[in-house]
PDB file of N, CA and C in Angstrom:
ATOM      1  N   MET A   1      16.733 -19.285   4.685  1.00  0.00           N
ATOM      2  CA  MET A   1      15.963 -18.075   4.909  1.00  0.00           C
ATOM      3  C   MET A   1      16.393 -17.051   3.871  1.00  0.00           C
ATOM      4  N   GLU A   2      15.431 -16.481   3.200  1.00  0.00           N
ATOM      5  CA  GLU A   2      15.681 -15.517   2.146  1.00  0.00           C
ATOM      6  C   GLU A   2      15.609 -14.103   2.717  1.00  0.00           C
ATOM      7  N   ARG A   3      16.621 -13.294   2.428  1.00  0.00           N
ATOM      8  CA  ARG A   3      16.648 -11.923   2.911  1.00  0.00           C
ATOM      9  C   ARG A   3      16.332 -10.975   1.755  1.00  0.00           C
ATOM     10  N   TYR A   4      15.538  -9.970   2.062  1.00  0.00           N
ATOM     11  CA  TYR A   4      15.177  -8.950   1.090  1.00  0.00           C
ATOM     12  C   TYR A   4      15.830  -7.644   1.492  1.00  0.00           C
ATOM     13  N   ASN A   5      15.753  -6.657   0.626  1.00  0.00           N
ATOM     14  CA  ASN A   5      16.303  -5.351   0.951  1.00  0.00           C
ATOM     15  C   ASN A   5      15.647  -4.786   2.198  1.00  0.00           C
ATOM     16  N   SER A   6      16.327  -3.844   2.800  1.00  0.00           N
ATOM     17  CA  SER A   6      15.762  -3.162   3.956  1.00  0.00           C
ATOM     18  C   SER A   6      14.554  -2.343   3.536  1.00  0.00           C
ATOM     19  N   ARG A   7      13.615  -2.210   4.447  1.00  0.00           N
ATOM     20  CA  ARG A   7      12.428  -1.399   4.222  1.00  0.00           C
ATOM     21  C   ARG A   7      12.353  -0.377   5.341  1.00  0.00           C
ATOM     22  N   GLY A   8      12.115   0.884   4.987  1.00  0.00           N
ATOM     23  CA  GLY A   8      12.009   1.924   5.998  1.00  0.00           C
ATOM     24  C   GLY A   8      10.602   2.015   6.553  1.00  0.00           C
ATOM     25  N   ILE A   9      10.512   2.373   7.814  1.00  0.00           N
ATOM     26  CA  ILE A   9       9.211   2.669   8.415  1.00  0.00           C
ATOM     27  C   ILE A   9       8.869   4.095   8.002  1.00  0.00           C
ATOM     28  N   ASP A  10       7.724   4.284   7.363  1.00  0.00           N
ATOM     29  CA  ASP A  10       7.384   5.608   6.847  1.00  0.00           C
ATOM     30  C   ASP A  10       6.849   6.529   7.950  1.00  0.00           C
ATOM     31  N   ASP A  11       6.505   7.749   7.556  1.00  0.00           N
ATOM     32  CA  ASP A  11       6.031   8.757   8.507  1.00  0.00           C
ATOM     33  C   ASP A  11       4.735   8.368   9.204  1.00  0.00           C
ATOM     34  N   MET A  12       3.998   7.422   8.634  1.00  0.00           N
ATOM     35  CA  MET A  12       2.735   6.985   9.236  1.00  0.00           C
ATOM     36  C   MET A  12       2.919   5.699  10.045  1.00  0.00           C
ATOM     37  N   GLY A  13       4.173   5.249  10.201  1.00  0.00           N
ATOM     38  CA  GLY A  13       4.433   4.045  10.979  1.00  0.00           C
ATOM     39  C   GLY A  13       4.153   2.760  10.221  1.00  0.00           C
ATOM     40  N   LYS A  14       4.162   2.839   8.882  1.00  0.00           N
ATOM     41  CA  LYS A  14       3.886   1.653   8.064  1.00  0.00           C
ATOM     42  C   LYS A  14       5.175   1.153   7.417  1.00  0.00           C
ATOM     43  N   VAL A  15       5.214  -0.153   7.167  1.00  0.00           N
ATOM     44  CA  VAL A  15       6.331  -0.745   6.446  1.00  0.00           C
ATOM     45  C   VAL A  15       5.747  -1.591   5.315  1.00  0.00           C
ATOM     46  N   ALA A  16       6.335  -1.435   4.125  1.00  0.00           N
ATOM     47  CA  ALA A  16       5.861  -2.189   2.956  1.00  0.00           C
ATOM     48  C   ALA A  16       6.541  -3.547   2.916  1.00  0.00           C
ATOM     49  N   LEU A  17       5.743  -4.580   2.725  1.00  0.00           N
ATOM     50  CA  LEU A  17       6.287  -5.919   2.557  1.00  0.00           C
ATOM     51  C   LEU A  17       6.644  -6.110   1.085  1.00  0.00           C
ATOM     52  N   PRO A  18       7.800  -6.684   0.792  1.00  0.00           N
ATOM     53  CA  PRO A  18       8.215  -6.856  -0.605  1.00  0.00           C
ATOM     54  C   PRO A  18       7.179  -7.631  -1.424  1.00  0.00           C
ATOM     55  N   GLY A  19       7.005  -7.201  -2.674  1.00  0.00           N
ATOM     56  CA  GLY A  19       6.045  -7.843  -3.570  1.00  0.00           C
ATOM     57  C   GLY A  19       6.310  -9.330  -3.752  1.00  0.00           C
ATOM     58  N   ASP A  20       7.587  -9.721  -3.807  1.00  0.00           N
ATOM     59  CA  ASP A  20       7.922 -11.143  -3.963  1.00  0.00           C
ATOM     60  C   ASP A  20       7.360 -11.970  -2.810  1.00  0.00           C
ATOM     61  N   ILE A  21       7.474 -11.450  -1.593  1.00  0.00           N
ATOM     62  CA  ILE A  21       6.942 -12.168  -0.428  1.00  0.00           C
ATOM     63  C   ILE A  21       5.429 -12.223  -0.500  1.00  0.00           C
ATOM     64  N   ARG A  22       4.803 -11.090  -0.844  1.00  0.00           N
ATOM     65  CA  ARG A  22       3.329 -11.058  -0.920  1.00  0.00           C
ATOM     66  C   ARG A  22       2.831 -12.064  -1.953  1.00  0.00           C
ATOM     67  N   ARG A  23       3.503 -12.140  -3.106  1.00  0.00           N
ATOM     68  CA  ARG A  23       3.096 -13.097  -4.139  1.00  0.00           C
ATOM     69  C   ARG A  23       3.330 -14.533  -3.672  1.00  0.00           C
ATOM     70  N   LYS A  24       4.483 -14.800  -3.084  1.00  0.00           N
ATOM     71  CA  LYS A  24       4.813 -16.145  -2.624  1.00  0.00           C
ATOM     72  C   LYS A  24       3.810 -16.639  -1.582  1.00  0.00           C
ATOM     73  N   LEU A  25       3.406 -15.756  -0.668  1.00  0.00           N
ATOM     74  CA  LEU A  25       2.468 -16.130   0.393  1.00  0.00           C
ATOM     75  C   LEU A  25       1.017 -15.868   0.001  1.00  0.00           C
ATOM     76  N   LYS A  26       0.816 -15.396  -1.254  1.00  0.00           N
ATOM     77  CA  LYS A  26      -0.524 -15.105  -1.775  1.00  0.00           C
ATOM     78  C   LYS A  26      -1.267 -14.108  -0.878  1.00  0.00           C
ATOM     79  N   LEU A  27      -0.551 -13.067  -0.437  1.00  0.00           N
ATOM     80  CA  LEU A  27      -1.150 -12.033   0.406  1.00  0.00           C
ATOM     81  C   LEU A  27      -1.814 -10.985  -0.464  1.00  0.00           C
ATOM     82  N   LYS A  28      -2.961 -10.520  -0.016  1.00  0.00           N
ATOM     83  CA  LYS A  28      -3.676  -9.465  -0.741  1.00  0.00           C
ATOM     84  C   LYS A  28      -4.245  -8.468   0.267  1.00  0.00           C
ATOM     85  N   GLU A  29      -4.716  -7.346  -0.253  1.00  0.00           N
ATOM     86  CA  GLU A  29      -5.284  -6.304   0.593  1.00  0.00           C
ATOM     87  C   GLU A  29      -6.331  -6.884   1.539  1.00  0.00           C
ATOM     88  N   GLY A  30      -6.243  -6.489   2.794  1.00  0.00           N
ATOM     89  CA  GLY A  30      -7.216  -6.923   3.790  1.00  0.00           C
ATOM     90  C   GLY A  30      -6.839  -8.197   4.516  1.00  0.00           C
ATOM     91  N   ASP A  31      -5.856  -8.952   3.984  1.00  0.00           N
ATOM     92  CA  ASP A  31      -5.419 -10.155   4.692  1.00  0.00           C
ATOM     93  C   ASP A  31      -4.885  -9.759   6.061  1.00  0.00           C
ATOM     94  N   ARG A  32      -5.163 -10.620   7.017  1.00  0.00           N
ATOM     95  CA  ARG A  32      -4.764 -10.351   8.394  1.00  0.00           C
ATOM     96  C   ARG A  32      -3.448 -11.049   8.702  1.00  0.00           C
ATOM     97  N   LEU A  33      -2.529 -10.276   9.286  1.00  0.00           N
ATOM     98  CA  LEU A  33      -1.230 -10.814   9.663  1.00  0.00           C
ATOM     99  C   LEU A  33      -1.078 -10.750  11.172  1.00  0.00           C
ATOM    100  N   LEU A  34      -0.697 -11.850  11.749  1.00  0.00           N
ATOM    101  CA  LEU A  34      -0.465 -11.954  13.179  1.00  0.00           C
ATOM    102  C   LEU A  34       0.991 -11.612  13.444  1.00  0.00           C
ATOM    103  N   LEU A  35       1.244 -10.588  14.262  1.00  0.00           N
ATOM    104  CA  LEU A  35       2.594 -10.202  14.624  1.00  0.00           C
ATOM    105  C   LEU A  35       2.871 -10.713  16.028  1.00  0.00           C
ATOM    106  N   THR A  36       3.932 -11.506  16.154  1.00  0.00           N
ATOM    107  CA  THR A  36       4.344 -12.020  17.453  1.00  0.00           C
ATOM    108  C   THR A  36       5.761 -11.542  17.719  1.00  0.00           C
ATOM    109  N   PRO A  37       5.953 -10.756  18.781  1.00  0.00           N
ATOM    110  CA  PRO A  37       7.308 -10.316  19.108  1.00  0.00           C
ATOM    111  C   PRO A  37       8.093 -11.440  19.782  1.00  0.00           C
ATOM    112  N   ILE A  38       9.327 -11.641  19.326  1.00  0.00           N
ATOM    113  CA  ILE A  38      10.225 -12.623  19.933  1.00  0.00           C
ATOM    114  C   ILE A  38      11.588 -11.953  20.055  1.00  0.00           C
ATOM    115  N   ASP A  39      11.969 -11.636  21.267  1.00  0.00           N
ATOM    116  CA  ASP A  39      13.223 -10.931  21.533  1.00  0.00           C
ATOM    117  C   ASP A  39      13.290  -9.651  20.699  1.00  0.00           C
ATOM    118  N   THR A  40      14.179  -9.612  19.690  1.00  0.00           N
ATOM    119  CA  THR A  40      14.384  -8.399  18.898  1.00  0.00           C
ATOM    120  C   THR A  40      13.765  -8.478  17.510  1.00  0.00           C
ATOM    121  N   ILE A  41      12.946  -9.511  17.272  1.00  0.00           N
ATOM    122  CA  ILE A  41      12.337  -9.657  15.946  1.00  0.00           C
ATOM    123  C   ILE A  41      10.817  -9.687  16.047  1.00  0.00           C
ATOM    124  N   ALA A  42      10.187  -9.347  14.933  1.00  0.00           N
ATOM    125  CA  ALA A  42       8.726  -9.474  14.811  1.00  0.00           C
ATOM    126  C   ALA A  42       8.458 -10.559  13.785  1.00  0.00           C
ATOM    127  N   VAL A  43       7.677 -11.557  14.164  1.00  0.00           N
ATOM    128  CA  VAL A  43       7.325 -12.651  13.272  1.00  0.00           C
ATOM    129  C   VAL A  43       5.898 -12.410  12.786  1.00  0.00           C
ATOM    130  N   LEU A  44       5.708 -12.401  11.468  1.00  0.00           N
ATOM    131  CA  LEU A  44       4.400 -12.188  10.863  1.00  0.00           C
ATOM    132  C   LEU A  44       3.933 -13.465  10.189  1.00  0.00           C
ATOM    133  N   GLN A  45       2.678 -13.837  10.452  1.00  0.00           N
ATOM    134  CA  GLN A  45       2.070 -15.010   9.819  1.00  0.00           C
ATOM    135  C   GLN A  45       0.640 -14.654   9.444  1.00  0.00           C
ATOM    136  N   THR A  46       0.135 -15.250   8.376  1.00  0.00           N
ATOM    137  CA  THR A  46      -1.268 -15.047   8.055  1.00  0.00           C
ATOM    138  C   THR A  46      -2.108 -15.780   9.092  1.00  0.00           C
ATOM    139  N   THR A  47      -3.287 -15.238   9.372  1.00  0.00           N
ATOM    140  CA  THR A  47      -4.127 -15.848  10.405  1.00  0.00           C
ATOM    141  C   THR A  47      -5.590 -15.527  10.176  1.00  0.00           C
ATOM    142  N   LYS A  48      -6.416 -16.382  10.696  1.00  0.00           N
ATOM    143  CA  LYS A  48      -7.857 -16.128  10.777  1.00  0.00           C
ATOM    144  C   LYS A  48      -8.273 -16.116  12.244  1.00  0.00           C
ATOM    145  N   ASP A  49      -7.333 -16.504  13.118  1.00  0.00           N
ATOM    146  CA  ASP A  49      -7.610 -16.598  14.547  1.00  0.00           C
ATOM    147  C   ASP A  49      -7.473 -15.244  15.231  1.00  0.00           C
ATOM    148  N   GLU A  50      -7.970 -15.178  16.436  1.00  0.00           N
ATOM    149  CA  GLU A  50      -7.789 -13.995  17.268  1.00  0.00           C
ATOM    150  C   GLU A  50      -6.408 -14.071  17.913  1.00  0.00           C
ATOM    151  N   PRO A  51      -5.795 -12.910  18.206  1.00  0.00           N
ATOM    152  CA  PRO A  51      -4.442 -12.933  18.756  1.00  0.00           C
ATOM    153  C   PRO A  51      -4.412 -13.415  20.196  1.00  0.00           C
ATOM    154  N   GLY A  52      -3.273 -13.975  20.586  1.00  0.00           N
ATOM    155  CA  GLY A  52      -3.049 -14.350  21.971  1.00  0.00           C
ATOM    156  C   GLY A  52      -2.599 -13.129  22.757  1.00  0.00           C
ATOM    157  N   ALA A  53      -2.220 -13.326  23.975  1.00  0.00           N
ATOM    158  CA  ALA A  53      -1.856 -12.224  24.866  1.00  0.00           C
ATOM    159  C   ALA A  53      -0.654 -11.433  24.359  1.00  0.00           C
ATOM    160  N   ASP A  54       0.317 -12.081  23.722  1.00  0.00           N
ATOM    161  CA  ASP A  54       1.533 -11.402  23.285  1.00  0.00           C
ATOM    162  C   ASP A  54       1.584 -11.192  21.778  1.00  0.00           C
ATOM    163  N   SER A  55       0.439 -11.251  21.102  1.00  0.00           N
ATOM    164  CA  SER A  55       0.400 -11.111  19.651  1.00  0.00           C
ATOM    165  C   SER A  55      -0.563 -10.002  19.252  1.00  0.00           C
ATOM    166  N   TYR A  56      -0.397  -9.512  18.033  1.00  0.00           N
ATOM    167  CA  TYR A  56      -1.207  -8.415  17.520  1.00  0.00           C
ATOM    168  C   TYR A  56      -1.574  -8.729  16.077  1.00  0.00           C
ATOM    169  N   ILE A  57      -2.748  -8.281  15.628  1.00  0.00           N
ATOM    170  CA  ILE A  57      -3.163  -8.537  14.248  1.00  0.00           C
ATOM    171  C   ILE A  57      -3.245  -7.212  13.487  1.00  0.00           C
ATOM    172  N   TYR A  58      -2.675  -7.221  12.282  1.00  0.00           N
ATOM    173  CA  TYR A  58      -2.675  -6.047  11.418  1.00  0.00           C
ATOM    174  C   TYR A  58      -3.160  -6.463  10.032  1.00  0.00           C
ATOM    175  N   ALA A  59      -3.887  -5.583   9.372  1.00  0.00           N
ATOM    176  CA  ALA A  59      -4.377  -5.866   8.022  1.00  0.00           C
ATOM    177  C   ALA A  59      -3.438  -5.251   6.993  1.00  0.00           C
ATOM    178  N   LEU A  60      -3.236  -5.963   5.907  1.00  0.00           N
ATOM    179  CA  LEU A  60      -2.412  -5.492   4.800  1.00  0.00           C
ATOM    180  C   LEU A  60      -3.215  -4.460   4.009  1.00  0.00           C
ATOM    181  N   ASP A  61      -2.604  -3.310   3.705  1.00  0.00           N
ATOM    182  CA  ASP A  61      -3.341  -2.299   2.943  1.00  0.00           C
ATOM    183  C   ASP A  61      -3.148  -2.505   1.441  1.00  0.00           C
ATOM    184  N   ASP A  62      -3.734  -1.614   0.637  1.00  0.00           N
ATOM    185  CA  ASP A  62      -3.713  -1.776  -0.815  1.00  0.00           C
ATOM    186  C   ASP A  62      -2.324  -1.608  -1.428  1.00  0.00           C
ATOM    187  N   LEU A  63      -1.374  -1.057  -0.677  1.00  0.00           N
ATOM    188  CA  LEU A  63      -0.011  -0.889  -1.174  1.00  0.00           C
ATOM    189  C   LEU A  63       0.941  -1.948  -0.611  1.00  0.00           C
ATOM    190  N   GLY A  64       0.376  -2.961   0.062  1.00  0.00           N
ATOM    191  CA  GLY A  64       1.199  -4.029   0.605  1.00  0.00           C
ATOM    192  C   GLY A  64       1.919  -3.650   1.887  1.00  0.00           C
ATOM    193  N   ARG A  65       1.345  -2.682   2.617  1.00  0.00           N
ATOM    194  CA  ARG A  65       1.973  -2.225   3.856  1.00  0.00           C
ATOM    195  C   ARG A  65       1.168  -2.677   5.062  1.00  0.00           C
ATOM    196  N   ILE A  66       1.867  -2.806   6.173  1.00  0.00           N
ATOM    197  CA  ILE A  66       1.185  -3.010   7.450  1.00  0.00           C
ATOM    198  C   ILE A  66       1.591  -1.856   8.352  1.00  0.00           C
ATOM    199  N   GLU A  67       0.650  -1.443   9.180  1.00  0.00           N
ATOM    200  CA  GLU A  67       0.935  -0.378  10.130  1.00  0.00           C
ATOM    201  C   GLU A  67       1.559  -0.985  11.372  1.00  0.00           C
ATOM    202  N   LEU A  68       2.633  -0.378  11.818  1.00  0.00           N
ATOM    203  CA  LEU A  68       3.273  -0.771  13.072  1.00  0.00           C
ATOM    204  C   LEU A  68       2.982   0.321  14.088  1.00  0.00           C
ATOM    205  N   PRO A  69       1.957   0.145  14.914  1.00  0.00           N
ATOM    206  CA  PRO A  69       1.581   1.182  15.864  1.00  0.00           C
ATOM    207  C   PRO A  69       2.735   1.580  16.780  1.00  0.00           C
ATOM    208  N   ARG A  70       2.637   2.764  17.310  1.00  0.00           N
ATOM    209  CA  ARG A  70       3.683   3.310  18.168  1.00  0.00           C
ATOM    210  C   ARG A  70       4.064   2.337  19.283  1.00  0.00           C
ATOM    211  N   SER A  71       3.070   1.707  19.907  1.00  0.00           N
ATOM    212  CA  SER A  71       3.375   0.794  21.016  1.00  0.00           C
ATOM    213  C   SER A  71       4.239  -0.380  20.548  1.00  0.00           C
ATOM    214  N   THR A  72       3.971  -0.876  19.339  1.00  0.00           N
ATOM    215  CA  THR A  72       4.770  -1.972  18.793  1.00  0.00           C
ATOM    216  C   THR A  72       6.173  -1.486  18.465  1.00  0.00           C
ATOM    217  N   ARG A  73       6.274  -0.310  17.837  1.00  0.00           N
ATOM    218  CA  ARG A  73       7.593   0.235  17.508  1.00  0.00           C
ATOM    219  C   ARG A  73       8.406   0.492  18.770  1.00  0.00           C
ATOM    220  N   GLN A  74       7.751   1.017  19.803  1.00  0.00           N
ATOM    221  CA  GLN A  74       8.463   1.281  21.059  1.00  0.00           C
ATOM    222  C   GLN A  74       8.956  -0.007  21.700  1.00  0.00           C
ATOM    223  N   MET A  75       8.161  -1.069  21.601  1.00  0.00           N
ATOM    224  CA  MET A  75       8.535  -2.355  22.173  1.00  0.00           C
ATOM    225  C   MET A  75       9.893  -2.820  21.615  1.00  0.00           C
ATOM    226  N   PHE A  76      10.110  -2.584  20.316  1.00  0.00           N
ATOM    227  CA  PHE A  76      11.335  -3.016  19.657  1.00  0.00           C
ATOM    228  C   PHE A  76      12.404  -1.927  19.587  1.00  0.00           C
ATOM    229  N   GLY A  77      12.047  -0.706  19.962  1.00  0.00           N
ATOM    230  CA  GLY A  77      12.990   0.401  19.834  1.00  0.00           C
ATOM    231  C   GLY A  77      13.120   0.884  18.404  1.00  0.00           C
ATOM    232  N   TRP A  78      12.077   0.622  17.587  1.00  0.00           N
ATOM    233  CA  TRP A  78      12.063   1.063  16.191  1.00  0.00           C
ATOM    234  C   TRP A  78      11.444   2.447  16.132  1.00  0.00           C
ATOM    235  N   GLU A  79      12.069   3.341  15.378  1.00  0.00           N
ATOM    236  CA  GLU A  79      11.554   4.695  15.225  1.00  0.00           C
ATOM    237  C   GLU A  79      11.112   4.909  13.780  1.00  0.00           C
ATOM    238  N   LEU A  80      10.360   5.991  13.553  1.00  0.00           N
ATOM    239  CA  LEU A  80      10.027   6.344  12.179  1.00  0.00           C
ATOM    240  C   LEU A  80      11.330   6.511  11.417  1.00  0.00           C
ATOM    241  N   LYS A  81      11.357   6.070  10.198  1.00  0.00           N
ATOM    242  CA  LYS A  81      12.520   6.106   9.304  1.00  0.00           C
ATOM    243  C   LYS A  81      13.551   5.033   9.613  1.00  0.00           C
ATOM    244  N   SER A  82      13.354   4.224  10.679  1.00  0.00           N
ATOM    245  CA  SER A  82      14.256   3.093  10.920  1.00  0.00           C
ATOM    246  C   SER A  82      14.177   2.147   9.731  1.00  0.00           C
ATOM    247  N   LYS A  83      15.278   1.498   9.424  1.00  0.00           N
ATOM    248  CA  LYS A  83      15.311   0.504   8.350  1.00  0.00           C
ATOM    249  C   LYS A  83      15.164  -0.873   8.967  1.00  0.00           C
ATOM    250  N   LEU A  84      14.265  -1.668   8.394  1.00  0.00           N
ATOM    251  CA  LEU A  84      14.045  -3.025   8.864  1.00  0.00           C
ATOM    252  C   LEU A  84      14.513  -4.015   7.805  1.00  0.00           C
ATOM    253  N   ALA A  85      15.229  -5.030   8.234  1.00  0.00           N
ATOM    254  CA  ALA A  85      15.577  -6.139   7.347  1.00  0.00           C
ATOM    255  C   ALA A  85      14.364  -7.049   7.299  1.00  0.00           C
ATOM    256  N   VAL A  86      14.013  -7.507   6.106  1.00  0.00           N
ATOM    257  CA  VAL A  86      12.844  -8.365   5.918  1.00  0.00           C
ATOM    258  C   VAL A  86      13.340  -9.738   5.451  1.00  0.00           C
ATOM    259  N   TYR A  87      12.928 -10.772   6.172  1.00  0.00           N
ATOM    260  CA  TYR A  87      13.306 -12.146   5.847  1.00  0.00           C
ATOM    261  C   TYR A  87      12.045 -12.958   5.587  1.00  0.00           C
ATOM    262  N   ASN A  88      12.184 -14.002   4.798  1.00  0.00           N
ATOM    263  CA  ASN A  88      11.075 -14.909   4.536  1.00  0.00           C
ATOM    264  C   ASN A  88      11.574 -16.336   4.650  1.00  0.00           C
ATOM    265  N   THR A  89      10.862 -17.123   5.451  1.00  0.00           N
ATOM    266  CA  THR A  89      11.171 -18.536   5.575  1.00  0.00           C
ATOM    267  C   THR A  89       9.860 -19.292   5.691  1.00  0.00           C
ATOM    268  N   ASP A  90       9.677 -20.301   4.886  1.00  0.00           N
ATOM    269  CA  ASP A  90       8.420 -21.053   4.860  1.00  0.00           C
ATOM    270  C   ASP A  90       7.246 -20.093   4.695  1.00  0.00           C
ATOM    271  N   ASN A  91       6.321 -20.080   5.627  1.00  0.00           N
ATOM    272  CA  ASN A  91       5.154 -19.194   5.561  1.00  0.00           C
ATOM    273  C   ASN A  91       5.226 -18.091   6.604  1.00  0.00           C
ATOM    274  N   VAL A  92       6.443 -17.696   6.938  1.00  0.00           N
ATOM    275  CA  VAL A  92       6.647 -16.696   7.987  1.00  0.00           C
ATOM    276  C   VAL A  92       7.478 -15.542   7.440  1.00  0.00           C
ATOM    277  N   ILE A  93       7.126 -14.320   7.830  1.00  0.00           N
ATOM    278  CA  ILE A  93       7.893 -13.128   7.501  1.00  0.00           C
ATOM    279  C   ILE A  93       8.524 -12.649   8.799  1.00  0.00           C
ATOM    280  N   ILE A  94       9.804 -12.313   8.746  1.00  0.00           N
ATOM    281  CA  ILE A  94      10.509 -11.832   9.931  1.00  0.00           C
ATOM    282  C   ILE A  94      10.983 -10.410   9.669  1.00  0.00           C
ATOM    283  N   LEU A  95      10.676  -9.513  10.602  1.00  0.00           N
ATOM    284  CA  LEU A  95      11.147  -8.137  10.552  1.00  0.00           C
ATOM    285  C   LEU A  95      12.144  -7.937  11.684  1.00  0.00           C
ATOM    286  N   LYS A  96      13.270  -7.310  11.358  1.00  0.00           N
ATOM    287  CA  LYS A  96      14.303  -7.067  12.348  1.00  0.00           C
ATOM    288  C   LYS A  96      14.992  -5.754  12.010  1.00  0.00           C
ATOM    289  N   LEU A  97      15.401  -5.002  13.017  1.00  0.00           N
ATOM    290  CA  LEU A  97      16.130  -3.768  12.770  1.00  0.00           C
ATOM    291  C   LEU A  97      17.362  -4.090  11.951  1.00  0.00           C
ATOM    292  N   ASP A  98      17.561  -3.357  10.852  1.00  0.00           N
ATOM    293  CA  ASP A  98      18.713  -3.585   9.987  1.00  0.00           C
ATOM    294  C   ASP A  98      19.947  -3.008  10.668  1.00  0.00           C
ATOM    295  N   GLU A  99      20.864  -3.865  11.049  1.00  0.00           N
ATOM    296  CA  GLU A  99      22.041  -3.440  11.784  1.00  0.00           C
ATOM    297  C   GLU A  99      23.021  -2.674  10.909  1.00  0.00           C
ATOM    298  N   ARG A 100      22.815  -2.688   9.597  1.00  0.00           N
ATOM    299  CA  ARG A 100      23.719  -1.984   8.678  1.00  0.00           C
ATOM    300  C   ARG A 100      23.376  -0.523   8.508  1.00  0.00           C
ATOM    301  N   GLN A 101      22.249  -0.070   9.098  1.00  0.00           N
ATOM    302  CA  GLN A 101      21.862   1.320   8.886  1.00  0.00           C
ATOM    303  C   GLN A 101      22.823   2.248   9.605  1.00  0.00           C
ATOM    304  N   THR A 102      22.940   3.449   9.082  1.00  0.00           N
ATOM    305  CA  THR A 102      23.866   4.412   9.689  1.00  0.00           C
ATOM    306  C   THR A 102      23.117   5.556  10.289  1.00  0.00           C
TER     307      THR A 102
END
């Protein structure tokens, strides 16, 4: 599993996905990402399907960001300006609160 630098949640509740991950997964503006919460992590995968009961779909914007709505942030205890560790494994992106933040 490859780890990238931490990414902060901005004032609008968005987090930018690293360019290396976007290129590797061939993600572009408008692509739909399925977010599935699992314990303390958010798993993101590309999808064309509709979400299940415990999943949410977000579109990638022109700057490579996805919006994390307040309800999703509250579910994980993530606040604006929180730092998230971004991991990539196979065709999955994992977001997790960066435990190194102060």
